[in-house]
Amino acid sequence: MPIDPSANPLALLDIPPNTAGADAIAQSNTEALAAANRLFEGNNQRLIAASGRLDCSVPLRLPSYTVAGLPSPSTAGQMVYVSNESGGAVVAFADGTNWRRVTDRAVVS
C-alpha cells in the first residue's frame, strides 16, 4: 500500500489504537506529530518532523512486501522492505516507474 502523505502520522508509525496519548490526536498532521513526540519522549526517544525531514532516535519500521505483492511505484519516494528479493531481503524505493533496491539501484525482481 502506498504511503499517503496526508495520512495520520501515528498510523504510519504503527502506533496501536488506545495507546496513552493517542486519543489526543487532533485534526492536523502537525498536532498528530506533536502527540507522537509526547508519546516517544517519555521513553527517552524522540521523533521530530520539520521542514519535510523526519528525525528519530528509534529504528523505523517500513511496510513489508513480497516482490509479487509490491504496490504501484507511481509515487516516487516511497520506501518498503522487500522480504523475498533475489539475493535476500532488501529495502527498496519507488522512483515513479520501478521499485529499486537501495543497495545498488537495480530494479526489484
Protein backbone atom coordinates (compact mmCIF):
# COMPACT_ATOMS: atom_id res chain seq x y z
CA MET A 1 0.00 0.00 0.00
CA PRO A 2 1.47 3.40 -0.95
CA ILE A 3 2.23 5.79 1.85
CA ASP A 4 -0.28 8.65 1.84
CA PRO A 5 1.44 11.85 3.00
CA SER A 6 -1.91 13.23 4.18
CA ALA A 7 -2.49 10.20 6.41
CA ASN A 8 -2.25 10.30 10.17
CA PRO A 9 1.49 10.05 11.01
CA LEU A 10 0.77 7.82 14.01
CA ALA A 11 -0.89 5.29 11.72
CA LEU A 12 2.23 5.32 9.53
CA LEU A 13 4.34 4.73 12.64
CA ASP A 14 2.24 1.68 13.52
CA ILE A 15 1.24 3.02 16.96
CA PRO A 16 -1.69 0.89 18.13
CA PRO A 17 -5.06 2.49 18.92
CA ASN A 18 -5.71 3.46 22.53
CA THR A 19 -2.02 3.98 23.25
CA ALA A 20 -1.65 6.53 26.05
CA GLY A 21 -1.94 9.92 24.42
CA ALA A 22 -3.13 8.64 21.07
CA ASP A 23 -6.61 9.97 21.82
CA ALA A 24 -5.07 13.44 21.90
CA ILE A 25 -4.51 13.29 18.15
CA ALA A 26 -6.31 16.24 16.61
CA GLN A 27 -7.19 17.19 13.06
CA SER A 28 -3.86 18.27 11.64
CA ASN A 29 -0.68 16.33 10.98
CA THR A 30 1.24 18.98 12.95
CA GLU A 31 -0.80 18.22 16.03
CA ALA A 32 -0.50 14.47 15.41
CA LEU A 33 3.29 14.73 15.18
CA ALA A 34 3.36 16.75 18.39
CA ALA A 35 1.34 13.98 20.07
CA ALA A 36 3.75 11.37 18.68
CA ASN A 37 6.67 13.32 20.13
CA ARG A 38 4.98 13.34 23.54
CA LEU A 39 4.48 9.56 23.36
CA PHE A 40 8.12 8.91 22.46
CA GLU A 41 9.71 11.46 24.80
CA GLY A 42 8.57 9.56 27.88
CA ASN A 43 10.88 6.69 26.86
CA ASN A 44 13.84 8.91 26.08
CA GLN A 45 13.11 8.51 22.39
CA ARG A 46 12.36 11.37 20.09
CA LEU A 47 10.59 11.85 16.80
CA ILE A 48 10.96 15.22 15.09
CA ALA A 49 9.46 16.29 11.79
CA ALA A 50 10.44 19.71 10.49
CA SER A 51 10.92 21.11 7.02
CA GLY A 52 9.95 17.82 5.39
CA ARG A 53 12.57 15.82 7.32
CA LEU A 54 11.93 13.08 9.88
CA ASP A 55 14.49 12.58 12.63
CA CYS A 56 14.05 9.84 15.21
CA SER A 57 16.18 8.03 17.72
CA VAL A 58 14.46 4.67 17.26
CA PRO A 59 14.51 2.33 14.25
CA LEU A 60 11.80 2.94 11.65
CA ARG A 61 9.62 0.02 10.60
CA LEU A 62 8.98 0.03 6.87
CA PRO A 63 5.98 -1.80 5.44
CA SER A 64 6.96 -5.30 4.34
CA TYR A 65 6.02 -6.80 0.97
CA THR A 66 6.94 -9.74 -1.20
CA VAL A 67 8.08 -8.95 -4.75
CA ALA A 68 4.72 -10.12 -6.14
CA GLY A 69 2.78 -8.01 -3.63
CA LEU A 70 4.57 -4.68 -4.12
CA PRO A 71 2.23 -1.72 -4.59
CA SER A 72 2.44 0.57 -7.59
CA PRO A 73 5.72 2.53 -7.68
CA SER A 74 3.96 5.52 -9.29
CA THR A 75 4.53 7.78 -6.26
CA ALA A 76 8.28 8.42 -6.22
CA GLY A 77 9.95 8.45 -2.82
CA GLN A 78 8.05 5.60 -1.17
CA MET A 79 10.19 3.10 0.74
CA VAL A 80 9.41 -0.54 1.59
CA TYR A 81 11.08 -3.67 2.90
CA VAL A 82 11.05 -6.49 0.29
CA SER A 83 11.23 -9.79 2.14
CA ASN A 84 11.93 -12.14 -0.78
CA GLU A 85 14.06 -10.15 -3.24
CA SER A 86 16.51 -12.26 -5.24
CA GLY A 87 19.73 -12.29 -3.24
CA GLY A 88 17.89 -11.70 0.04
CA ALA A 89 15.65 -9.21 1.77
CA VAL A 90 16.30 -5.56 0.94
CA VAL A 91 14.95 -2.05 1.42
CA ALA A 92 13.60 -0.59 -1.82
CA PHE A 93 12.39 2.79 -3.01
CA ALA A 94 9.97 3.86 -5.74
CA ASP A 95 11.36 6.08 -8.48
CA GLY A 96 7.97 6.76 -10.05
CA THR A 97 8.27 3.87 -12.52
CA ASN A 98 10.03 0.96 -10.74
CA TRP A 99 10.87 -0.31 -7.28
CA ARG A 100 14.67 -0.15 -6.90
CA ARG A 101 16.96 -1.72 -4.33
CA VAL A 102 18.70 0.88 -2.17
CA THR A 103 21.86 -1.24 -2.23
CA ASP A 104 22.58 -0.92 -5.95
CA ARG A 105 19.56 0.84 -7.54
CA ALA A 106 18.75 -2.30 -9.57
CA VAL A 107 15.06 -2.89 -10.30
CA VAL A 108 13.48 -5.28 -7.77
CA SER A 109 12.79 -8.68 -9.32
